[in-house]
């Protein structure tokens, strides 16, 4: 029987996953001098795609049956690739902490899409969450305008676009056959399309193909961490949890990811966090929690 509550294993795993996802933007910036951010996105997806194929082979999961998911899968993959191209390019202009905040407009767009397109009506407390998040994003964008140079605003806007594309990816999975197949196949659609799109796109943007023999230990560590831990292991673990526990309760933990992202940006990159930006982060985090709030007891 599918549990209706989260046990200690599920909650602990979700905290670890949020911490892992919070490392995405800071670690991309750590290796950006040696591997361009968009190329990093394509290469990490290549590593993860190979691992997904091997994992499915070992588990006997069929990936290439004619199940009517190709059209939806290509759409989902294209949106996924565009999301990370916008996000990783944005990291050239703005801090990792700022990027992760604007990326997390996605849960609110998904909630609105569910309300208007999927019949998942929002309760008053969820509308309150959307309002908190919207105010938080306005405060954060206002802080961008107050910073010198204007580059942060470009990066923040690209991260916001990435968040909208992330939401579109989620809704496309729900509304097409791509969501009716095994999660590994859905993930492979996303990874495969990203490889095909992001590697040529990075080269077209002027990023230099990395000389793997001369990469530093930091760059190799980032690339392997991004490909193996984040893009392969954490995504599969997330899909595993979703298949076993209520997704609403799991999603309630998503407010931790931007907080982890900002903390890691400050710790690993020495990024300075302004008071308006921290206020925006609190409002966005509160909004995510309220939007995903459910009247269901969480077990200890």
Protein backbone atom coordinates (compact mmCIF):
# COMPACT_ATOMS: atom_id res chain seq x y z
CA UNK A 1 0.00 0.00 0.00
CA UNK A 2 1.26 3.49 -0.89
CA UNK A 3 2.01 5.44 2.34
CA UNK A 4 0.04 8.61 3.05
CA UNK A 5 2.76 10.08 5.29
CA UNK A 6 6.49 10.73 5.03
CA UNK A 7 8.70 8.56 7.20
CA UNK A 8 12.17 9.45 8.49
CA UNK A 9 13.87 7.93 5.43
CA UNK A 10 11.82 10.04 3.01
CA UNK A 11 12.33 13.28 4.93
CA UNK A 12 16.07 12.72 5.37
CA UNK A 13 16.46 11.86 1.69
CA UNK A 14 14.55 14.97 0.63
CA UNK A 15 16.79 17.21 2.75
CA UNK A 16 19.87 15.59 1.18
CA UNK A 17 18.40 15.97 -2.31
CA UNK A 18 17.64 19.66 -1.71
CA UNK A 19 21.18 20.20 -0.46
CA UNK A 20 22.53 18.43 -3.55
CA UNK A 21 20.40 20.52 -5.91
CA UNK A 22 21.48 23.65 -4.04
CA UNK A 23 25.05 22.86 -5.08
CA UNK A 24 24.23 22.94 -8.79
CA UNK A 25 24.74 26.65 -9.46
CA UNK A 26 27.76 27.23 -7.18
CA UNK A 27 29.68 24.25 -8.57
CA UNK A 28 28.97 25.30 -12.18
CA UNK A 29 30.60 28.64 -11.42
CA UNK A 30 33.58 26.93 -9.78
CA UNK A 31 34.51 25.24 -13.08
CA UNK A 32 33.29 27.93 -15.51
CA UNK A 33 36.81 29.26 -16.19
CA UNK A 34 37.85 25.86 -17.62
CA UNK A 35 34.55 24.51 -18.99
CA UNK A 36 31.96 26.95 -20.31
CA UNK A 37 28.66 26.74 -18.41
CA UNK A 38 26.51 25.69 -21.37
CA UNK A 39 29.06 23.05 -22.38
CA UNK A 40 29.06 21.88 -18.77
CA UNK A 41 25.31 21.39 -19.05
CA UNK A 42 25.64 19.29 -22.19
CA UNK A 43 28.54 17.22 -20.87
CA UNK A 44 26.87 16.47 -17.55
CA UNK A 45 23.78 15.27 -19.43
CA UNK A 46 25.98 13.07 -21.64
CA UNK A 47 27.51 11.42 -18.56
CA UNK A 48 24.10 10.96 -16.96
CA UNK A 49 22.49 9.62 -20.16
CA UNK A 50 25.12 6.89 -20.45
CA UNK A 51 24.55 5.96 -16.80
CA UNK A 52 20.75 5.88 -17.25
CA UNK A 53 21.13 3.54 -20.25
CA UNK A 54 23.39 1.22 -18.23
CA UNK A 55 21.09 1.33 -15.21
CA UNK A 56 18.04 0.49 -17.34
CA UNK A 57 19.95 -2.36 -18.99
CA UNK A 58 20.81 -3.82 -15.59
CA UNK A 59 17.24 -3.40 -14.34
CA UNK A 60 15.65 -4.74 -17.51
CA UNK A 61 13.73 -1.50 -18.14
CA UNK A 62 12.55 -1.24 -21.75
CA UNK A 63 13.22 2.19 -23.26
CA UNK A 64 12.62 1.89 -26.97
CA UNK A 65 9.09 0.48 -27.23
CA UNK A 66 6.66 2.34 -29.51
CA UNK A 67 4.42 3.82 -26.81
CA UNK A 68 3.37 7.10 -28.42
CA UNK A 69 5.60 9.19 -26.18
CA UNK A 70 8.10 10.42 -28.80
CA UNK A 71 6.42 13.73 -29.63
CA UNK A 72 5.81 14.65 -26.01
CA UNK A 73 9.24 13.38 -25.02
CA UNK A 74 10.99 15.58 -27.58
CA UNK A 75 8.97 18.58 -26.37
CA UNK A 76 9.91 17.88 -22.76
CA UNK A 77 13.54 17.38 -23.75
CA UNK A 78 13.66 20.64 -25.70
CA UNK A 79 12.19 22.59 -22.78
CA UNK A 80 14.61 20.92 -20.36
CA UNK A 81 17.59 21.77 -22.58
CA UNK A 82 16.46 25.38 -23.00
CA UNK A 83 16.00 25.70 -19.24
CA UNK A 84 19.55 24.71 -18.41
CA UNK A 85 21.02 26.66 -21.33
CA UNK A 86 19.36 29.81 -19.99
CA UNK A 87 20.29 29.05 -16.37
CA UNK A 88 23.92 28.16 -17.01
CA UNK A 89 24.42 31.12 -19.37
CA UNK A 90 22.88 33.36 -16.73
CA UNK A 91 25.52 32.23 -14.26
CA UNK A 92 28.08 34.14 -16.32
CA UNK A 93 26.35 37.38 -15.32
CA UNK A 94 24.96 36.88 -11.84
CA UNK A 95 25.76 35.21 -8.56
CA UNK A 96 24.84 31.57 -8.03
CA UNK A 97 22.75 32.56 -5.03
CA UNK A 98 20.72 35.00 -7.11
CA UNK A 99 20.25 32.50 -9.95
CA UNK A 100 18.81 29.83 -7.67
CA UNK A 101 16.31 32.29 -6.20
CA UNK A 102 14.88 33.31 -9.58
CA UNK A 103 14.95 29.73 -10.86
CA UNK A 104 12.53 28.81 -8.11
CA UNK A 105 9.69 30.77 -9.61
CA UNK A 106 8.93 27.38 -11.21
CA UNK A 107 6.79 25.87 -8.40
CA UNK A 108 4.44 28.85 -8.53
CA UNK A 109 4.04 28.71 -12.31
CA UNK A 110 3.34 24.97 -12.02
CA UNK A 111 0.74 25.67 -9.35
CA UNK A 112 -0.95 28.27 -11.57
CA UNK A 113 -0.79 25.93 -14.56
CA UNK A 114 -2.35 23.17 -12.50
CA UNK A 115 -5.10 25.53 -11.38
CA UNK A 116 -6.04 26.73 -14.87
CA UNK A 117 -5.11 23.75 -17.07
CA UNK A 118 -5.31 20.60 -14.93
CA UNK A 119 -8.24 21.36 -12.64
CA UNK A 120 -6.03 21.36 -9.51
CA UNK A 121 -7.72 24.24 -7.73
CA UNK A 122 -5.66 26.31 -5.31
CA UNK A 123 -6.77 26.83 -1.71
CA UNK A 124 -6.64 30.33 -0.12
CA UNK A 125 -3.41 29.50 1.71
CA UNK A 126 -1.81 28.58 -1.61
CA UNK A 127 -2.87 31.88 -3.17
CA UNK A 128 -1.22 33.52 -0.16
CA UNK A 129 1.93 31.57 -0.97
CA UNK A 130 1.84 32.75 -4.58
CA UNK A 131 1.47 36.34 -3.39
CA UNK A 132 4.44 36.02 -1.01
CA UNK A 133 6.58 34.54 -3.76
CA UNK A 134 5.60 37.21 -6.29
CA UNK A 135 6.48 39.97 -3.83
CA UNK A 136 9.77 38.18 -3.11
CA UNK A 137 10.65 38.04 -6.81
CA UNK A 138 9.84 41.75 -7.18
CA UNK A 139 12.05 42.58 -4.20
CA UNK A 140 14.84 40.44 -5.64
CA UNK A 141 14.54 42.05 -9.08
CA UNK A 142 14.54 45.50 -7.48
CA UNK A 143 17.76 44.57 -5.73
CA UNK A 144 19.20 43.61 -9.15
CA UNK A 145 18.44 47.09 -10.47
CA UNK A 146 20.25 48.67 -7.52
CA UNK A 147 23.50 46.79 -8.22
CA UNK A 148 26.20 48.47 -10.31
CA UNK A 149 26.97 47.38 -13.86
CA UNK A 150 23.62 45.87 -14.84
CA UNK A 151 25.10 42.41 -15.49
CA UNK A 152 23.31 40.91 -12.51
CA UNK A 153 19.97 41.94 -14.00
CA UNK A 154 20.78 40.06 -17.23
CA UNK A 155 21.72 36.94 -15.28
CA UNK A 156 18.68 37.21 -13.01
CA UNK A 157 16.36 37.52 -16.02
CA UNK A 158 17.95 34.46 -17.66
CA UNK A 159 17.49 32.51 -14.40
CA UNK A 160 13.85 33.66 -14.28
CA UNK A 161 13.38 32.47 -17.87
CA UNK A 162 14.95 29.15 -16.82
CA UNK A 163 12.40 28.88 -14.03
CA UNK A 164 9.54 29.47 -16.48
CA UNK A 165 10.98 26.79 -18.77
CA UNK A 166 11.31 24.38 -15.82
CA UNK A 167 7.64 24.93 -15.04
CA UNK A 168 6.73 24.40 -18.70
CA UNK A 169 8.71 21.12 -18.65
CA UNK A 170 6.80 19.91 -15.60
CA UNK A 171 3.43 20.81 -17.10
CA UNK A 172 4.37 19.22 -20.44
CA UNK A 173 5.18 15.96 -18.66
CA UNK A 174 1.76 16.08 -17.01
CA UNK A 175 -0.10 16.92 -20.22
CA UNK A 176 1.59 14.61 -22.76
CA UNK A 177 2.42 10.93 -23.14
CA UNK A 178 5.91 11.70 -21.83
CA UNK A 179 4.45 11.45 -18.34
CA UNK A 180 2.86 8.07 -18.95
CA UNK A 181 6.10 6.15 -19.48
CA UNK A 182 8.67 4.94 -16.98
CA UNK A 183 10.46 7.83 -15.21
CA UNK A 184 13.82 6.60 -16.57
CA UNK A 185 12.55 7.05 -20.12
CA UNK A 186 11.24 10.52 -19.36
CA UNK A 187 14.62 11.43 -17.88
CA UNK A 188 16.41 9.99 -20.91
CA UNK A 189 14.31 12.17 -23.23
CA UNK A 190 15.48 15.19 -21.24
CA UNK A 191 19.12 14.15 -21.09
CA UNK A 192 19.42 13.05 -24.71
CA UNK A 193 17.87 16.21 -26.11
CA UNK A 194 20.08 18.33 -23.86
CA UNK A 195 23.22 16.65 -25.21
CA UNK A 196 22.14 17.30 -28.80
CA UNK A 197 21.17 20.92 -28.09
CA UNK A 198 23.54 22.23 -25.42
CA UNK A 199 26.93 21.04 -26.68
CA UNK A 200 26.55 22.64 -30.16
CA UNK A 201 24.89 25.69 -28.56
CA UNK A 202 27.80 26.18 -26.17
CA UNK A 203 30.29 26.05 -29.05
CA UNK A 204 28.17 28.48 -31.08
CA UNK A 205 28.21 30.87 -28.12
CA UNK A 206 31.99 30.92 -28.24
CA UNK A 207 32.71 28.50 -25.41
CA UNK A 208 35.93 26.55 -25.94
CA UNK A 209 35.89 22.75 -26.03
CA UNK A 210 37.71 21.69 -22.85
CA UNK A 211 41.13 20.05 -22.98
CA UNK A 212 40.32 17.14 -20.70
CA UNK A 213 43.95 16.16 -20.21
CA UNK A 214 44.79 19.50 -18.64
CA UNK A 215 41.66 20.11 -16.58
CA UNK A 216 42.22 20.84 -12.92
CA UNK A 217 41.04 18.51 -10.19
CA UNK A 218 38.34 21.05 -9.36
CA UNK A 219 36.96 21.07 -12.92
CA UNK A 220 36.99 17.26 -13.14
CA UNK A 221 35.35 17.03 -9.73
CA UNK A 222 32.61 19.46 -10.72
CA UNK A 223 31.94 17.70 -14.03
CA UNK A 224 31.71 14.26 -12.43
CA UNK A 225 29.66 15.56 -9.50
CA UNK A 226 27.23 17.28 -11.87
CA UNK A 227 26.92 14.25 -14.15
CA UNK A 228 26.92 11.37 -11.68
CA UNK A 229 25.49 12.77 -8.44
CA UNK A 230 23.13 15.53 -9.54
CA UNK A 231 21.91 14.64 -13.02
CA UNK A 232 21.88 10.84 -12.64
CA UNK A 233 21.63 9.73 -9.02
CA UNK A 234 19.59 12.57 -7.50
CA UNK A 235 17.03 12.65 -10.32
CA UNK A 236 16.51 8.89 -10.17
CA UNK A 237 16.19 9.05 -6.38
CA UNK A 238 13.60 11.80 -6.75
CA UNK A 239 11.59 9.71 -9.21
CA UNK A 240 11.85 6.75 -6.83
CA UNK A 241 10.44 8.81 -3.95
CA UNK A 242 7.64 10.17 -6.14
CA UNK A 243 6.63 6.61 -7.03
CA UNK A 244 6.36 5.68 -3.32
CA UNK A 245 5.23 8.78 -1.40
CA UNK A 246 2.69 11.60 -1.90
CA UNK A 247 4.29 14.12 -4.25
CA UNK A 248 2.64 17.05 -2.46
CA UNK A 249 4.40 16.23 0.79
CA UNK A 250 7.71 15.71 -0.99
CA UNK A 251 7.38 19.01 -2.85
CA UNK A 252 6.95 20.86 0.42
CA UNK A 253 10.69 20.41 0.95
CA UNK A 254 11.53 22.31 -2.23
CA UNK A 255 11.75 25.61 -0.33
CA UNK A 256 15.02 24.31 1.14
CA UNK A 257 16.82 24.21 -2.22
CA UNK A 258 17.13 27.98 -2.82
CA UNK A 259 18.21 28.41 0.80
CA UNK A 260 20.91 25.75 0.36
CA UNK A 261 21.91 27.36 -2.94
CA UNK A 262 22.40 30.75 -1.35
CA UNK A 263 24.32 29.30 1.57
CA UNK A 264 26.65 27.35 -0.72
CA UNK A 265 27.13 30.42 -2.93
CA UNK A 266 28.30 32.37 0.09
CA UNK A 267 30.47 29.56 1.49
CA UNK A 268 32.10 28.28 -1.71
CA UNK A 269 32.26 31.44 -3.80
CA UNK A 270 32.30 34.18 -1.17
CA UNK A 271 29.17 35.78 -2.64
CA UNK A 272 27.80 38.76 -0.76
CA UNK A 273 24.13 38.56 0.13
CA UNK A 274 22.35 41.90 0.53
CA UNK A 275 19.54 42.49 3.01
CA UNK A 276 16.89 43.03 0.27
CA UNK A 277 18.01 39.83 -1.41
CA UNK A 278 17.82 37.86 1.85
CA UNK A 279 14.32 39.31 2.40
CA UNK A 280 13.35 38.16 -1.10
CA UNK A 281 14.70 34.68 -0.32
CA UNK A 282 12.60 34.45 2.85
CA UNK A 283 9.46 35.49 0.95
CA UNK A 284 10.10 33.00 -1.86
CA UNK A 285 10.88 30.19 0.58
CA UNK A 286 7.72 30.94 2.56
CA UNK A 287 5.74 31.05 -0.67
CA UNK A 288 7.01 27.64 -1.80
CA UNK A 289 6.12 26.15 1.59
CA UNK A 290 2.61 27.61 1.54
CA UNK A 291 1.92 26.57 -2.06
CA UNK A 292 2.92 22.98 -1.29
CA UNK A 293 1.25 22.86 2.12
CA UNK A 294 -1.13 19.98 2.66
CA UNK A 295 -3.38 19.14 5.59
CA UNK A 296 -1.73 15.76 6.02
CA UNK A 297 0.27 14.73 9.05
CA UNK A 298 3.96 14.04 8.42
CA UNK A 299 5.16 11.04 10.37
CA UNK A 300 8.39 11.02 12.35
